[in-house]
Amino acid sequence: MFQDITTLLLDHKAFKDTVDIFVDRYRDMGISVVAGVEARGFMFGPSIALAIGAKFVPLRKPRKLPGEVISESYVLEYGKDCLEMHVGAVQPGERALVIDDLVATGGTLSAAIRLLERAGAHVVECACVVGLREVKGQHGLNGKPLYILVEPRQQINCSAPSVNGVETCRHDDLILGASFGSPLNPTSKSD
């Protein structure tokens, strides 16, 4: 089942509430860098950075940034990729947050952590809007905590007939605001 955040972006109140949850979490953590992973991390990162008084640093795919860059390659479930960051965008000792829309295997987030740490930053946490339950135990985030805003808890009725060629599954509820590696304590439930 494909997970997508674009419908969240269509609802200005839900989008604002999502950003506000992240802002409330990171406001008092002394974070000076919010690093957004291309491309959907760019939708959340700048707003979070502005609200907590941090700078936004884009982590981009190869050859998208002008000037001198450092890069970090990583393996995906379907191939290889690379993230790049401007040289000098992060100073040694700065406290960083990595933000993306979704975490599956953790490969992209791990590359982001390595890239920031090579520049001397201390990565405080990684944050994603959606985390996939099926791969929860497979994250390899270099020992860094992961905050997931929404995680499907359980799928039921996945044998339902497809609609327009798309398999239909119904989630019985969602876990909101869970830190990876700790017991999940839902703060709210929704269908």
N, C-alpha and C. Protein backbone atom coordinates (compact mmCIF):
# COMPACT_ATOMS: atom_id res chain seq x y z
N MET A 1 0.85 -1.18 0.00
CA MET A 1 0.00 0.00 0.00
C MET A 1 0.89 1.24 0.00
N PHE A 2 0.66 2.16 -0.91
CA PHE A 2 1.46 3.36 -1.04
C PHE A 2 1.00 4.40 -0.02
N GLN A 3 1.93 4.92 0.75
CA GLN A 3 1.62 5.96 1.74
C GLN A 3 1.99 7.32 1.15
N ASP A 4 1.11 8.29 1.27
CA ASP A 4 1.33 9.59 0.64
C ASP A 4 0.80 10.70 1.54
N ILE A 5 1.52 11.82 1.58
CA ILE A 5 1.11 12.94 2.44
C ILE A 5 0.47 14.08 1.66
N THR A 6 0.27 13.94 0.36
CA THR A 6 -0.24 15.08 -0.42
C THR A 6 -1.66 15.47 -0.03
N THR A 7 -2.50 14.53 0.40
CA THR A 7 -3.84 14.92 0.83
C THR A 7 -3.78 15.73 2.12
N LEU A 8 -2.80 15.49 2.96
CA LEU A 8 -2.60 16.30 4.17
C LEU A 8 -2.33 17.75 3.77
N LEU A 9 -1.56 17.96 2.73
CA LEU A 9 -1.21 19.31 2.29
C LEU A 9 -2.40 20.07 1.74
N LEU A 10 -3.43 19.36 1.31
CA LEU A 10 -4.63 20.01 0.76
C LEU A 10 -5.53 20.59 1.84
N ASP A 11 -5.34 20.15 3.06
CA ASP A 11 -6.15 20.62 4.19
C ASP A 11 -5.28 21.55 5.04
N HIS A 12 -5.47 22.86 4.87
CA HIS A 12 -4.57 23.81 5.53
C HIS A 12 -4.56 23.66 7.05
N LYS A 13 -5.69 23.33 7.65
CA LYS A 13 -5.72 23.16 9.09
C LYS A 13 -4.93 21.92 9.53
N ALA A 14 -5.13 20.81 8.83
CA ALA A 14 -4.37 19.59 9.17
C ALA A 14 -2.88 19.79 8.94
N PHE A 15 -2.52 20.48 7.87
CA PHE A 15 -1.11 20.76 7.58
C PHE A 15 -0.51 21.63 8.68
N LYS A 16 -1.22 22.69 9.08
CA LYS A 16 -0.75 23.57 10.15
C LYS A 16 -0.63 22.80 11.46
N ASP A 17 -1.63 21.97 11.77
CA ASP A 17 -1.58 21.17 13.00
C ASP A 17 -0.38 20.23 13.00
N THR A 18 -0.07 19.65 11.86
CA THR A 18 1.08 18.76 11.74
C THR A 18 2.37 19.51 12.05
N VAL A 19 2.54 20.66 11.41
CA VAL A 19 3.74 21.47 11.65
C VAL A 19 3.78 21.89 13.12
N ASP A 20 2.65 22.29 13.68
CA ASP A 20 2.61 22.73 15.08
C ASP A 20 3.03 21.62 16.05
N ILE A 21 2.66 20.39 15.76
CA ILE A 21 3.06 19.26 16.62
C ILE A 21 4.58 19.14 16.64
N PHE A 22 5.19 19.23 15.45
CA PHE A 22 6.65 19.17 15.39
C PHE A 22 7.28 20.37 16.10
N VAL A 23 6.74 21.55 15.89
CA VAL A 23 7.27 22.76 16.53
C VAL A 23 7.20 22.62 18.05
N ASP A 24 6.07 22.17 18.58
CA ASP A 24 5.94 21.98 20.03
C ASP A 24 6.98 21.00 20.55
N ARG A 25 7.26 19.96 19.79
CA ARG A 25 8.24 18.96 20.23
C ARG A 25 9.66 19.52 20.24
N TYR A 26 10.02 20.33 19.25
CA TYR A 26 11.42 20.73 19.08
C TYR A 26 11.75 22.15 19.54
N ARG A 27 10.75 22.90 19.95
CA ARG A 27 10.95 24.30 20.33
C ARG A 27 12.03 24.50 21.39
N ASP A 28 12.08 23.67 22.40
CA ASP A 28 13.00 23.87 23.52
C ASP A 28 14.16 22.88 23.54
N MET A 29 14.54 22.33 22.39
CA MET A 29 15.63 21.36 22.34
C MET A 29 16.96 21.96 21.89
N GLY A 30 17.01 23.26 21.71
CA GLY A 30 18.27 23.90 21.32
C GLY A 30 18.73 23.53 19.92
N ILE A 31 17.80 23.24 19.04
CA ILE A 31 18.14 22.86 17.67
C ILE A 31 18.42 24.12 16.86
N SER A 32 19.56 24.14 16.17
CA SER A 32 19.91 25.29 15.35
C SER A 32 19.84 24.99 13.86
N VAL A 33 19.68 23.71 13.49
CA VAL A 33 19.61 23.30 12.09
C VAL A 33 18.44 22.33 11.92
N VAL A 34 17.56 22.64 10.97
CA VAL A 34 16.55 21.69 10.53
C VAL A 34 16.95 21.30 9.11
N ALA A 35 17.31 20.03 8.94
CA ALA A 35 17.75 19.52 7.64
C ALA A 35 16.60 18.75 7.01
N GLY A 36 16.14 19.21 5.85
CA GLY A 36 15.03 18.57 5.16
C GLY A 36 15.53 17.73 4.01
N VAL A 37 15.03 16.50 3.94
CA VAL A 37 15.42 15.57 2.88
C VAL A 37 14.55 15.83 1.66
N GLU A 38 15.21 15.94 0.49
CA GLU A 38 14.50 16.18 -0.77
C GLU A 38 13.54 15.04 -1.05
N ALA A 39 12.38 15.32 -1.48
CA ALA A 39 11.81 16.63 -1.71
C ALA A 39 10.75 16.94 -0.66
N ARG A 40 10.09 15.93 -0.13
CA ARG A 40 8.97 16.21 0.75
C ARG A 40 9.39 16.71 2.13
N GLY A 41 10.62 16.51 2.51
CA GLY A 41 11.12 17.12 3.75
C GLY A 41 11.16 18.64 3.64
N PHE A 42 11.17 19.14 2.38
CA PHE A 42 11.16 20.59 2.15
C PHE A 42 9.80 21.19 2.46
N MET A 43 8.76 20.38 2.49
CA MET A 43 7.41 20.89 2.76
C MET A 43 7.22 21.19 4.24
N PHE A 44 7.92 20.48 5.11
CA PHE A 44 7.76 20.64 6.55
C PHE A 44 8.92 21.39 7.18
N GLY A 45 10.12 21.14 6.71
CA GLY A 45 11.33 21.67 7.33
C GLY A 45 11.40 23.18 7.46
N PRO A 46 11.17 23.96 6.39
CA PRO A 46 11.28 25.41 6.53
C PRO A 46 10.32 26.01 7.56
N SER A 47 9.08 25.53 7.60
CA SER A 47 8.12 26.04 8.57
C SER A 47 8.54 25.72 10.00
N ILE A 48 9.04 24.51 10.21
CA ILE A 48 9.52 24.13 11.54
C ILE A 48 10.72 24.97 11.93
N ALA A 49 11.66 25.14 10.99
CA ALA A 49 12.86 25.93 11.26
C ALA A 49 12.51 27.37 11.64
N LEU A 50 11.63 28.00 10.87
CA LEU A 50 11.22 29.38 11.18
C LEU A 50 10.61 29.48 12.57
N ALA A 51 9.74 28.55 12.90
CA ALA A 51 9.02 28.60 14.17
C ALA A 51 9.92 28.36 15.38
N ILE A 52 10.99 27.57 15.22
CA ILE A 52 11.86 27.31 16.37
C ILE A 52 13.12 28.16 16.36
N GLY A 53 13.27 29.04 15.36
CA GLY A 53 14.42 29.92 15.30
C GLY A 53 15.69 29.24 14.83
N ALA A 54 15.54 28.29 13.91
CA ALA A 54 16.68 27.55 13.37
C ALA A 54 16.82 27.85 11.88
N LYS A 55 17.97 27.50 11.33
CA LYS A 55 18.13 27.62 9.88
C LYS A 55 17.67 26.33 9.22
N PHE A 56 17.27 26.46 7.95
CA PHE A 56 16.87 25.29 7.18
C PHE A 56 17.99 24.94 6.21
N VAL A 57 18.38 23.67 6.21
CA VAL A 57 19.42 23.18 5.31
C VAL A 57 18.81 22.09 4.43
N PRO A 58 18.77 22.33 3.11
CA PRO A 58 18.23 21.30 2.21
C PRO A 58 19.27 20.21 1.95
N LEU A 59 18.84 18.96 2.04
CA LEU A 59 19.66 17.81 1.67
C LEU A 59 19.10 17.33 0.34
N ARG A 60 19.88 17.52 -0.73
CA ARG A 60 19.34 17.34 -2.08
C ARG A 60 19.94 16.16 -2.80
N LYS A 61 19.28 15.76 -3.86
CA LYS A 61 19.78 14.73 -4.76
C LYS A 61 20.97 15.31 -5.53
N PRO A 62 21.80 14.47 -6.14
CA PRO A 62 23.02 14.94 -6.80
C PRO A 62 22.77 16.00 -7.88
N ARG A 63 23.71 16.94 -7.92
CA ARG A 63 23.77 18.00 -8.94
C ARG A 63 22.59 18.96 -8.91
N LYS A 64 21.96 19.12 -7.75
CA LYS A 64 20.84 20.07 -7.62
C LYS A 64 21.27 21.35 -6.91
N LEU A 65 22.38 21.30 -6.18
CA LEU A 65 22.85 22.47 -5.43
C LEU A 65 24.01 23.13 -6.17
N PRO A 66 23.99 24.45 -6.27
CA PRO A 66 25.13 25.15 -6.87
C PRO A 66 26.29 25.20 -5.87
N GLY A 67 27.47 25.39 -6.35
CA GLY A 67 28.62 25.56 -5.47
C GLY A 67 29.17 24.23 -4.97
N GLU A 68 30.05 24.33 -3.98
CA GLU A 68 30.73 23.16 -3.44
C GLU A 68 29.83 22.40 -2.47
N VAL A 69 29.80 21.09 -2.63
CA VAL A 69 28.95 20.24 -1.80
C VAL A 69 29.75 19.07 -1.24
N ILE A 70 29.22 18.48 -0.17
CA ILE A 70 29.68 17.18 0.28
C ILE A 70 28.53 16.22 0.04
N SER A 71 28.85 14.96 -0.18
CA SER A 71 27.80 14.00 -0.53
C SER A 71 27.94 12.73 0.28
N GLU A 72 26.83 12.01 0.35
CA GLU A 72 26.77 10.73 1.05
C GLU A 72 25.89 9.79 0.24
N SER A 73 26.48 8.68 -0.19
CA SER A 73 25.75 7.66 -0.95
C SER A 73 25.08 6.69 0.01
N TYR A 74 24.01 6.08 -0.45
CA TYR A 74 23.31 5.09 0.36
C TYR A 74 22.57 4.11 -0.53
N VAL A 75 22.21 2.98 0.05
CA VAL A 75 21.54 1.91 -0.68
C VAL A 75 20.06 1.95 -0.35
N LEU A 76 19.25 1.86 -1.38
CA LEU A 76 17.80 1.76 -1.25
C LEU A 76 17.38 0.33 -1.51
N GLU A 77 16.13 0.01 -1.23
CA GLU A 77 15.65 -1.33 -1.50
C GLU A 77 15.63 -1.63 -2.99
N TYR A 78 15.68 -0.60 -3.84
CA TYR A 78 15.61 -0.77 -5.29
C TYR A 78 16.83 -0.20 -6.02
N GLY A 79 17.91 0.12 -5.32
CA GLY A 79 19.09 0.66 -5.98
C GLY A 79 19.93 1.51 -5.06
N LYS A 80 20.62 2.48 -5.64
CA LYS A 80 21.49 3.39 -4.88
C LYS A 80 21.05 4.82 -5.11
N ASP A 81 21.39 5.69 -4.16
CA ASP A 81 21.11 7.11 -4.31
C ASP A 81 22.16 7.89 -3.54
N CYS A 82 22.01 9.19 -3.51
CA CYS A 82 23.00 10.06 -2.88
C CYS A 82 22.31 11.33 -2.40
N LEU A 83 22.76 11.86 -1.26
CA LEU A 83 22.31 13.16 -0.77
C LEU A 83 23.50 14.10 -0.77
N GLU A 84 23.25 15.37 -1.06
CA GLU A 84 24.29 16.39 -1.04
C GLU A 84 23.85 17.57 -0.18
N MET A 85 24.87 18.25 0.37
CA MET A 85 24.64 19.43 1.22
C MET A 85 25.76 20.43 0.91
N HIS A 86 25.44 21.72 0.96
CA HIS A 86 26.46 22.73 0.74
C HIS A 86 27.56 22.64 1.79
N VAL A 87 28.79 22.79 1.36
CA VAL A 87 29.92 22.89 2.28
C VAL A 87 29.72 24.17 3.09
N GLY A 88 29.85 24.10 4.40
CA GLY A 88 29.69 25.27 5.26
C GLY A 88 28.26 25.55 5.71
N ALA A 89 27.29 24.75 5.24
CA ALA A 89 25.90 24.97 5.64
C ALA A 89 25.70 24.67 7.12
N VAL A 90 26.49 23.75 7.64
CA VAL A 90 26.41 23.34 9.04
C VAL A 90 27.77 23.52 9.67
N GLN A 91 27.79 24.07 10.87
CA GLN A 91 29.04 24.29 11.59
C GLN A 91 29.24 23.20 12.65
N PRO A 92 30.48 22.86 12.96
CA PRO A 92 30.73 21.86 14.00
C PRO A 92 30.04 22.24 15.31
N GLY A 93 29.41 21.24 15.92
CA GLY A 93 28.74 21.45 17.21
C GLY A 93 27.29 21.87 17.12
N GLU A 94 26.81 22.23 15.93
CA GLU A 94 25.40 22.61 15.82
C GLU A 94 24.50 21.40 16.05
N ARG A 95 23.35 21.67 16.68
CA ARG A 95 22.37 20.62 16.97
C ARG A 95 21.35 20.58 15.84
N ALA A 96 21.18 19.38 15.25
CA ALA A 96 20.38 19.26 14.04
C ALA A 96 19.21 18.29 14.21
N LEU A 97 18.14 18.60 13.50
CA LEU A 97 16.97 17.75 13.35
C LEU A 97 16.88 17.39 11.87
N VAL A 98 16.65 16.12 11.56
CA VAL A 98 16.43 15.68 10.18
C VAL A 98 14.94 15.42 10.03
N ILE A 99 14.34 16.00 8.97
CA ILE A 99 12.90 15.85 8.75
C ILE A 99 12.64 15.30 7.35
N ASP A 100 11.70 14.34 7.27
CA ASP A 100 11.25 13.80 6.00
C ASP A 100 9.78 13.45 6.15
N ASP A 101 9.14 13.12 5.04
CA ASP A 101 7.71 12.81 5.13
C ASP A 101 7.46 11.39 5.61
N LEU A 102 8.30 10.43 5.21
CA LEU A 102 8.02 9.03 5.47
C LEU A 102 9.32 8.27 5.70
N VAL A 103 9.29 7.33 6.62
CA VAL A 103 10.43 6.43 6.81
C VAL A 103 9.96 5.01 6.50
N ALA A 104 10.75 4.34 5.67
CA ALA A 104 10.48 2.94 5.36
C ALA A 104 11.62 2.10 5.91
N THR A 105 12.73 2.03 5.21
CA THR A 105 13.85 1.23 5.68
C THR A 105 14.83 2.02 6.53
N GLY A 106 14.81 3.34 6.45
CA GLY A 106 15.72 4.18 7.20
C GLY A 106 17.01 4.50 6.47
N GLY A 107 17.17 4.03 5.24
CA GLY A 107 18.39 4.27 4.47
C GLY A 107 18.65 5.73 4.18
N THR A 108 17.63 6.45 3.78
CA THR A 108 17.80 7.88 3.47
C THR A 108 18.11 8.67 4.73
N LEU A 109 17.40 8.40 5.81
CA LEU A 109 17.66 9.11 7.07
C LEU A 109 19.07 8.81 7.58
N SER A 110 19.52 7.58 7.45
CA SER A 110 20.87 7.22 7.89
C SER A 110 21.92 7.99 7.09
N ALA A 111 21.70 8.13 5.78
CA ALA A 111 22.62 8.90 4.95
C ALA A 111 22.62 10.37 5.38
N ALA A 112 21.44 10.91 5.71
CA ALA A 112 21.35 12.30 6.16
C ALA A 112 22.13 12.49 7.46
N ILE A 113 22.00 11.54 8.38
CA ILE A 113 22.73 11.61 9.65
C ILE A 113 24.24 11.62 9.38
N ARG A 114 24.70 10.68 8.56
CA ARG A 114 26.14 10.61 8.26
C ARG A 114 26.64 11.89 7.63
N LEU A 115 25.86 12.46 6.73
CA LEU A 115 26.24 13.70 6.05
C LEU A 115 26.38 14.85 7.04
N LEU A 116 25.42 15.01 7.91
CA LEU A 116 25.46 16.07 8.91
C LEU A 116 26.60 15.86 9.91
N GLU A 117 26.80 14.62 10.32
CA GLU A 117 27.87 14.33 11.28
C GLU A 117 29.25 14.54 10.67
N ARG A 118 29.39 14.28 9.38
CA ARG A 118 30.67 14.56 8.71
C ARG A 118 31.00 16.05 8.74
N ALA A 119 29.96 16.88 8.76
CA ALA A 119 30.15 18.33 8.85
C ALA A 119 30.33 18.79 10.30
N GLY A 120 30.23 17.86 11.25
CA GLY A 120 30.45 18.19 12.65
C GLY A 120 29.20 18.47 13.45
N ALA A 121 28.04 18.30 12.86
CA ALA A 121 26.78 18.54 13.58
C ALA A 121 26.47 17.37 14.51
N HIS A 122 25.69 17.67 15.53
CA HIS A 122 25.16 16.64 16.42
C HIS A 122 23.68 16.46 16.06
N VAL A 123 23.33 15.30 15.51
CA VAL A 123 21.94 15.03 15.14
C VAL A 123 21.18 14.62 16.39
N VAL A 124 20.22 15.45 16.77
CA VAL A 124 19.43 15.23 17.98
C VAL A 124 18.38 14.15 17.74
N GLU A 125 17.70 14.23 16.59
CA GLU A 125 16.62 13.29 16.31
C GLU A 125 16.27 13.38 14.84
N CYS A 126 15.64 12.32 14.34
CA CYS A 126 15.02 12.32 13.01
C CYS A 126 13.51 12.31 13.22
N ALA A 127 12.79 12.97 12.33
CA ALA A 127 11.33 13.04 12.46
C ALA A 127 10.69 12.82 11.11
N CYS A 128 9.60 12.06 11.13
CA CYS A 128 8.83 11.80 9.90
C CYS A 128 7.35 11.90 10.21
N VAL A 129 6.59 12.29 9.21
CA VAL A 129 5.16 12.36 9.37
C VAL A 129 4.57 10.95 9.45
N VAL A 130 5.04 10.05 8.58
CA VAL A 130 4.51 8.68 8.52
C VAL A 130 5.65 7.68 8.69
N GLY A 131 5.39 6.67 9.48
CA GLY A 131 6.32 5.55 9.63
C GLY A 131 5.59 4.27 9.29
N LEU A 132 6.25 3.39 8.57
CA LEU A 132 5.62 2.14 8.17
C LEU A 132 5.87 1.07 9.22
N ARG A 133 4.80 0.53 9.76
CA ARG A 133 4.87 -0.47 10.82
C ARG A 133 5.61 -1.73 10.36
N GLU A 134 5.44 -2.10 9.11
CA GLU A 134 6.00 -3.34 8.60
C GLU A 134 7.52 -3.39 8.69
N VAL A 135 8.17 -2.24 8.71
CA VAL A 135 9.63 -2.22 8.72
C VAL A 135 10.19 -1.59 9.99
N LYS A 136 9.35 -1.46 11.02
CA LYS A 136 9.78 -0.77 12.24
C LYS A 136 11.08 -1.33 12.80
N GLY A 137 11.25 -2.63 12.83
CA GLY A 137 12.44 -3.22 13.41
C GLY A 137 13.65 -3.17 12.51
N GLN A 138 13.51 -2.63 11.30
CA GLN A 138 14.61 -2.64 10.34
C GLN A 138 15.33 -1.31 10.24
N HIS A 139 14.95 -0.32 11.02
CA HIS A 139 15.61 0.98 10.94
C HIS A 139 17.03 0.88 11.45
N GLY A 140 17.97 1.46 10.73
CA GLY A 140 19.34 1.52 11.18
C GLY A 140 19.76 2.97 11.18
N LEU A 141 19.38 3.72 12.18
CA LEU A 141 19.59 5.17 12.19
C LEU A 141 20.81 5.57 13.02
N ASN A 142 21.83 4.76 13.01
CA ASN A 142 23.09 5.11 13.68
C ASN A 142 22.87 5.46 15.14
N GLY A 143 21.91 4.82 15.78
CA GLY A 143 21.65 5.06 17.20
C GLY A 143 20.87 6.32 17.50
N LYS A 144 20.41 7.02 16.50
CA LYS A 144 19.65 8.27 16.70
C LYS A 144 18.17 7.96 16.88
N PRO A 145 17.50 8.72 17.75
CA PRO A 145 16.06 8.50 17.93
C PRO A 145 15.26 8.94 16.71
N LEU A 146 14.12 8.31 16.54
CA LEU A 146 13.22 8.61 15.44
C LEU A 146 11.84 8.91 16.01
N TYR A 147 11.30 10.07 15.66
CA TYR A 147 9.95 10.45 16.06
C TYR A 147 9.05 10.30 14.85
N ILE A 148 8.00 9.52 15.00
CA ILE A 148 7.03 9.30 13.93
C ILE A 148 5.70 9.87 14.38
N LEU A 149 5.14 10.75 13.56
CA LEU A 149 3.88 11.38 13.92
C LEU A 149 2.70 10.43 13.74
N VAL A 150 2.62 9.74 12.62
CA VAL A 150 1.50 8.84 12.35
C VAL A 150 2.06 7.50 11.89
N GLU A 151 1.59 6.46 12.54
CA GLU A 151 2.01 5.11 12.18
C GLU A 151 0.78 4.23 12.09
N PRO A 152 0.51 3.64 10.92
CA PRO A 152 -0.62 2.72 10.85
C PRO A 152 -0.41 1.60 11.86
N ARG A 153 -1.42 1.35 12.68
CA ARG A 153 -1.29 0.33 13.72
C ARG A 153 -1.58 -1.06 13.17
N GLN A 154 -2.68 -1.20 12.49
CA GLN A 154 -3.07 -2.53 12.03
C GLN A 154 -3.90 -2.38 10.78
N GLN A 155 -3.69 -3.28 9.84
CA GLN A 155 -4.53 -3.29 8.65
C GLN A 155 -5.50 -4.47 8.77
N ILE A 156 -6.74 -4.20 8.44
CA ILE A 156 -7.71 -5.28 8.40
C ILE A 156 -8.44 -5.22 7.07
N ASN A 157 -9.11 -6.27 6.74
CA ASN A 157 -9.92 -6.32 5.53
C ASN A 157 -9.09 -6.07 4.26
N CYS A 158 -7.83 -6.56 4.23
CA CYS A 158 -6.99 -6.35 3.05
C CYS A 158 -7.31 -7.32 1.93
N SER A 159 -8.25 -8.20 2.14
CA SER A 159 -8.65 -9.10 1.07
C SER A 159 -9.87 -8.55 0.32
N ALA A 160 -10.20 -7.30 0.61
CA ALA A 160 -11.35 -6.69 -0.05
C ALA A 160 -11.09 -6.57 -1.55
N PRO A 161 -12.14 -6.56 -2.35
CA PRO A 161 -11.95 -6.43 -3.79
C PRO A 161 -11.28 -5.11 -4.13
N SER A 162 -10.50 -5.11 -5.19
CA SER A 162 -9.83 -3.88 -5.60
C SER A 162 -10.83 -2.91 -6.20
N VAL A 163 -10.48 -1.62 -6.10
CA VAL A 163 -11.30 -0.56 -6.67
C VAL A 163 -10.45 0.12 -7.73
N ASN A 164 -10.90 0.09 -8.98
CA ASN A 164 -10.14 0.63 -10.10
C ASN A 164 -8.72 0.08 -10.15
N GLY A 165 -8.56 -1.20 -9.83
CA GLY A 165 -7.26 -1.84 -9.90
C GLY A 165 -6.37 -1.62 -8.70
N VAL A 166 -6.87 -0.92 -7.68
CA VAL A 166 -6.08 -0.63 -6.48
C VAL A 166 -6.64 -1.45 -5.32
N GLU A 167 -5.75 -2.18 -4.63
CA GLU A 167 -6.16 -2.96 -3.48
C GLU A 167 -6.67 -2.01 -2.40
N THR A 168 -7.77 -2.36 -1.78
CA THR A 168 -8.32 -1.52 -0.72
C THR A 168 -8.12 -2.19 0.63
N CYS A 169 -7.57 -1.46 1.54
CA CYS A 169 -7.40 -1.93 2.92
C CYS A 169 -7.93 -0.84 3.82
N ARG A 170 -8.47 -1.23 4.96
CA ARG A 170 -8.94 -0.26 5.92
C ARG A 170 -8.07 -0.37 7.16
N HIS A 171 -7.59 0.77 7.62
CA HIS A 171 -6.83 0.79 8.87
C HIS A 171 -7.82 0.94 10.01
N ASP A 172 -7.66 0.15 11.06
CA ASP A 172 -8.62 0.28 12.16
C ASP A 172 -8.32 1.52 12.99
N ASP A 173 -7.09 1.91 13.11
CA ASP A 173 -6.75 3.16 13.76
C ASP A 173 -5.29 3.49 13.53
N LEU A 174 -4.89 4.66 13.97
CA LEU A 174 -3.52 5.14 13.77
C LEU A 174 -2.91 5.45 15.12
N ILE A 175 -1.60 5.29 15.20
CA ILE A 175 -0.87 5.73 16.38
C ILE A 175 -0.31 7.10 16.04
N LEU A 176 -0.56 8.08 16.87
CA LEU A 176 -0.07 9.43 16.62
C LEU A 176 0.97 9.79 17.65
N GLY A 177 2.07 10.37 17.19
CA GLY A 177 3.09 10.89 18.08
C GLY A 177 3.88 9.82 18.81
N ALA A 178 4.51 8.91 18.09
CA ALA A 178 5.26 7.83 18.73
C ALA A 178 6.74 8.01 18.48
N SER A 179 7.55 7.76 19.50
CA SER A 179 8.99 7.76 19.35
C SER A 179 9.43 6.35 19.07
N PHE A 180 10.25 6.17 18.04
CA PHE A 180 10.74 4.86 17.66
C PHE A 180 11.64 4.31 18.75
N GLY A 181 11.46 3.04 19.04
CA GLY A 181 12.30 2.39 20.03
C GLY A 181 11.71 2.41 21.41
N SER A 182 10.62 3.12 21.61
CA SER A 182 9.97 3.14 22.92
C SER A 182 8.56 2.59 22.76
N PRO A 183 7.94 2.19 23.85
CA PRO A 183 6.56 1.71 23.74
C PRO A 183 5.69 2.79 23.12
N LEU A 184 4.81 2.39 22.26
CA LEU A 184 3.95 3.34 21.58
C LEU A 184 2.79 3.73 22.46
N ASN A 185 2.69 5.01 22.72
CA ASN A 185 1.62 5.54 23.56
C ASN A 185 0.78 6.47 22.72
N PRO A 186 -0.31 5.98 22.17
CA PRO A 186 -1.12 6.85 21.32
C PRO A 186 -1.65 8.05 22.10
N THR A 187 -1.55 9.21 21.46
CA THR A 187 -2.10 10.41 22.06
C THR A 187 -3.50 10.69 21.53
N SER A 188 -3.83 10.02 20.44
CA SER A 188 -5.12 10.24 19.81
C SER A 188 -5.37 9.10 18.84
N LYS A 189 -6.60 8.81 18.57
CA LYS A 189 -6.93 7.78 17.58
C LYS A 189 -7.83 8.37 16.53
N SER A 190 -7.69 7.84 15.33
CA SER A 190 -8.49 8.33 14.22
C SER A 190 -8.72 7.19 13.24
N ASP A 191 -9.82 7.21 12.53
CA ASP A 191 -10.05 6.20 11.48
C ASP A 191 -9.38 6.63 10.22
